Amino acid sequence: MYKRRARIRFWHADDGEKARRAAELASSLGGEWVEAHAQVGMGNGTTGPWPDLLIALDCSHPPALSLAPHTRCKCWPHGDGEQDTRQRILGILGGLRLLARLDHSGAPAGNDV
């Protein structure tokens, strides 16, 4: 089912450290399923391919960023710390695993196309 890992970008308006920690946590929990990166602010200083999912941390409305047509945006309001972020990331990973089980496929690790 999956030809490559899902690309996730964690975005925060002004706390780059929080975005970086979320990306590192996602990579450590499910690096075989996701390719996670961090972005801070409104600048277009990020490199690499467009994300499949942009997760806006500590906000209730999507940021006014230029995104690819295929990029979905999710807003995660201010949570209860790293444990809350961990649970949300595990939910994403669980969804990816569930979809892969539907067609009896596995994680796409190593198949970055």
C-alpha atoms as a PDB file:
ATOM      1  CA  MET A   1       0.000   0.000   0.000  1.00  0.00           C
ATOM      2  CA  TYR A   2       2.653   2.512   1.020  1.00  0.00           C
ATOM      3  CA  LYS A   3       5.435   3.239  -1.447  1.00  0.00           C
ATOM      4  CA  ARG A   4       7.208   5.662   0.898  1.00  0.00           C
ATOM      5  CA  ARG A   5       7.066   6.966   4.423  1.00  0.00           C
ATOM      6  CA  ALA A   6       4.505   9.697   5.141  1.00  0.00           C
ATOM      7  CA  ARG A   7       6.112  13.138   5.283  1.00  0.00           C
ATOM      8  CA  ILE A   8       5.050  15.106   8.353  1.00  0.00           C
ATOM      9  CA  ARG A   9       6.095  18.647   9.181  1.00  0.00           C
ATOM     10  CA  PHE A  10       5.530  19.920  12.722  1.00  0.00           C
ATOM     11  CA  TRP A  11       5.024  23.686  12.649  1.00  0.00           C
ATOM     12  CA  HIS A  12       5.019  26.182  15.497  1.00  0.00           C
ATOM     13  CA  ALA A  13       4.568  29.942  15.214  1.00  0.00           C
ATOM     14  CA  ASP A  14       7.535  30.833  17.429  1.00  0.00           C
ATOM     15  CA  ASP A  15       8.809  27.798  19.362  1.00  0.00           C
ATOM     16  CA  GLY A  16      11.207  25.967  17.081  1.00  0.00           C
ATOM     17  CA  GLU A  17      12.362  23.753  19.933  1.00  0.00           C
ATOM     18  CA  LYS A  18       8.839  22.416  20.475  1.00  0.00           C
ATOM     19  CA  ALA A  19       8.464  21.653  16.767  1.00  0.00           C
ATOM     20  CA  ARG A  20      11.884  19.978  16.702  1.00  0.00           C
ATOM     21  CA  ARG A  21      11.069  17.826  19.755  1.00  0.00           C
ATOM     22  CA  ALA A  22       7.782  16.715  18.190  1.00  0.00           C
ATOM     23  CA  ALA A  23       9.562  15.763  14.954  1.00  0.00           C
ATOM     24  CA  GLU A  24      12.225  13.840  16.867  1.00  0.00           C
ATOM     25  CA  LEU A  25       9.557  12.050  18.894  1.00  0.00           C
ATOM     26  CA  ALA A  26       7.659  11.064  15.746  1.00  0.00           C
ATOM     27  CA  SER A  27      10.866   9.748  14.191  1.00  0.00           C
ATOM     28  CA  SER A  28      11.775   7.747  17.275  1.00  0.00           C
ATOM     29  CA  LEU A  29       8.283   6.269  17.676  1.00  0.00           C
ATOM     30  CA  GLY A  30       7.625   5.479  14.027  1.00  0.00           C
ATOM     31  CA  GLY A  31      10.585   6.197  11.799  1.00  0.00           C
ATOM     32  CA  GLU A  32       9.689   3.223   9.643  1.00  0.00           C
ATOM     33  CA  TRP A  33       6.328   4.891   8.880  1.00  0.00           C
ATOM     34  CA  VAL A  34       7.040   8.635   8.868  1.00  0.00           C
ATOM     35  CA  GLU A  35       9.670  11.137   7.814  1.00  0.00           C
ATOM     36  CA  ALA A  36       9.281  14.003  10.298  1.00  0.00           C
ATOM     37  CA  HIS A  37      10.648  17.550  10.128  1.00  0.00           C
ATOM     38  CA  ALA A  38      10.178  20.807  12.038  1.00  0.00           C
ATOM     39  CA  GLN A  39       9.392  24.338  10.912  1.00  0.00           C
ATOM     40  CA  VAL A  40       9.039  27.562  12.860  1.00  0.00           C
ATOM     41  CA  GLY A  41       7.381  30.799  11.796  1.00  0.00           C
ATOM     42  CA  MET A  42       5.989  31.886   8.487  1.00  0.00           C
ATOM     43  CA  GLY A  43       9.197  31.807   6.462  1.00  0.00           C
ATOM     44  CA  ASN A  44       9.724  29.497   3.547  1.00  0.00           C
ATOM     45  CA  GLY A  45      13.176  28.471   4.732  1.00  0.00           C
ATOM     46  CA  THR A  46      12.355  24.777   4.781  1.00  0.00           C
ATOM     47  CA  THR A  47      13.864  22.530   2.191  1.00  0.00           C
ATOM     48  CA  GLY A  48      12.941  19.124   0.939  1.00  0.00           C
ATOM     49  CA  PRO A  49       9.720  17.757  -0.475  1.00  0.00           C
ATOM     50  CA  TRP A  50       6.291  19.055   0.474  1.00  0.00           C
ATOM     51  CA  PRO A  51       4.811  17.323   3.502  1.00  0.00           C
ATOM     52  CA  ASP A  52       1.790  15.060   3.264  1.00  0.00           C
ATOM     53  CA  LEU A  53       0.667  16.354   6.656  1.00  0.00           C
ATOM     54  CA  LEU A  54       1.399  19.671   8.343  1.00  0.00           C
ATOM     55  CA  ILE A  55       0.726  19.616  12.083  1.00  0.00           C
ATOM     56  CA  ALA A  56       0.344  23.119  13.506  1.00  0.00           C
ATOM     57  CA  LEU A  57       1.238  23.018  17.196  1.00  0.00           C
ATOM     58  CA  ASP A  58      -0.468  25.205  19.830  1.00  0.00           C
ATOM     59  CA  CYS A  59      -2.990  26.775  17.479  1.00  0.00           C
ATOM     60  CA  SER A  60      -6.660  26.427  16.641  1.00  0.00           C
ATOM     61  CA  HIS A  61      -6.572  27.595  13.003  1.00  0.00           C
ATOM     62  CA  PRO A  62      -4.321  26.534  10.133  1.00  0.00           C
ATOM     63  CA  PRO A  63      -1.383  28.891   9.563  1.00  0.00           C
ATOM     64  CA  ALA A  64      -1.322  31.014   6.415  1.00  0.00           C
ATOM     65  CA  LEU A  65       1.460  29.002   4.805  1.00  0.00           C
ATOM     66  CA  SER A  66       1.873  28.189   1.159  1.00  0.00           C
ATOM     67  CA  LEU A  67       1.223  24.441   0.896  1.00  0.00           C
ATOM     68  CA  ALA A  68       1.054  21.897  -1.886  1.00  0.00           C
ATOM     69  CA  PRO A  69      -2.448  20.847  -2.979  1.00  0.00           C
ATOM     70  CA  HIS A  70      -1.976  17.378  -1.490  1.00  0.00           C
ATOM     71  CA  THR A  71      -0.831  18.632   1.946  1.00  0.00           C
ATOM     72  CA  ARG A  72      -3.364  18.197   4.745  1.00  0.00           C
ATOM     73  CA  CYS A  73      -3.175  20.469   7.774  1.00  0.00           C
ATOM     74  CA  LYS A  74      -4.109  19.473  11.322  1.00  0.00           C
ATOM     75  CA  CYS A  75      -4.140  21.857  14.264  1.00  0.00           C
ATOM     76  CA  TRP A  76      -3.149  20.556  17.664  1.00  0.00           C
ATOM     77  CA  PRO A  77      -4.238  23.032  20.356  1.00  0.00           C
ATOM     78  CA  HIS A  78      -1.969  23.586  23.327  1.00  0.00           C
ATOM     79  CA  GLY A  79      -1.623  20.170  24.969  1.00  0.00           C
ATOM     80  CA  ASP A  80      -0.513  18.813  28.295  1.00  0.00           C
ATOM     81  CA  GLY A  81       3.150  18.485  27.391  1.00  0.00           C
ATOM     82  CA  GLU A  82       5.177  15.805  25.710  1.00  0.00           C
ATOM     83  CA  GLN A  83       2.936  12.958  26.856  1.00  0.00           C
ATOM     84  CA  ASP A  84      -0.009  14.523  25.010  1.00  0.00           C
ATOM     85  CA  THR A  85       2.101  14.945  21.869  1.00  0.00           C
ATOM     86  CA  ARG A  86       3.248  11.336  22.201  1.00  0.00           C
ATOM     87  CA  GLN A  87      -0.342  10.070  22.351  1.00  0.00           C
ATOM     88  CA  ARG A  88      -1.332  12.090  19.290  1.00  0.00           C
ATOM     89  CA  ILE A  89       1.653  10.799  17.317  1.00  0.00           C
ATOM     90  CA  LEU A  90       0.853   7.235  18.359  1.00  0.00           C
ATOM     91  CA  GLY A  91      -2.667   7.796  17.032  1.00  0.00           C
ATOM     92  CA  ILE A  92      -1.293   8.784  13.623  1.00  0.00           C
ATOM     93  CA  LEU A  93       1.009   5.768  13.584  1.00  0.00           C
ATOM     94  CA  GLY A  94      -1.840   3.479  14.596  1.00  0.00           C
ATOM     95  CA  GLY A  95      -3.891   4.761  11.664  1.00  0.00           C
ATOM     96  CA  LEU A  96      -1.044   4.080   9.246  1.00  0.00           C
ATOM     97  CA  ARG A  97      -0.630   0.541  10.610  1.00  0.00           C
ATOM     98  CA  LEU A  98      -4.357  -0.098  10.361  1.00  0.00           C
ATOM     99  CA  LEU A  99      -4.458   0.980   6.709  1.00  0.00           C
ATOM    100  CA  ALA A 100      -1.448  -1.202   5.924  1.00  0.00           C
ATOM    101  CA  ARG A 101      -3.167  -4.235   7.474  1.00  0.00           C
ATOM    102  CA  LEU A 102      -6.116  -3.795   5.120  1.00  0.00           C
ATOM    103  CA  ASP A 103      -4.009  -4.898   2.162  1.00  0.00           C
ATOM    104  CA  HIS A 104      -1.545  -7.040   4.136  1.00  0.00           C
ATOM    105  CA  SER A 105       1.393  -4.727   3.516  1.00  0.00           C
ATOM    106  CA  GLY A 106       4.000  -3.524   5.945  1.00  0.00           C
ATOM    107  CA  ALA A 107       5.919  -0.392   6.738  1.00  0.00           C
ATOM    108  CA  PRO A 108       7.526   1.332   3.744  1.00  0.00           C
ATOM    109  CA  ALA A 109      10.927   1.817   5.457  1.00  0.00           C
ATOM    110  CA  GLY A 110      13.733   2.114   2.963  1.00  0.00           C
ATOM    111  CA  ASN A 111      11.373   2.680   0.066  1.00  0.00           C
ATOM    112  CA  ASP A 112      11.632   6.448  -0.261  1.00  0.00           C
ATOM    113  CA  VAL A 113      10.531   7.146  -3.819  1.00  0.00           C
END
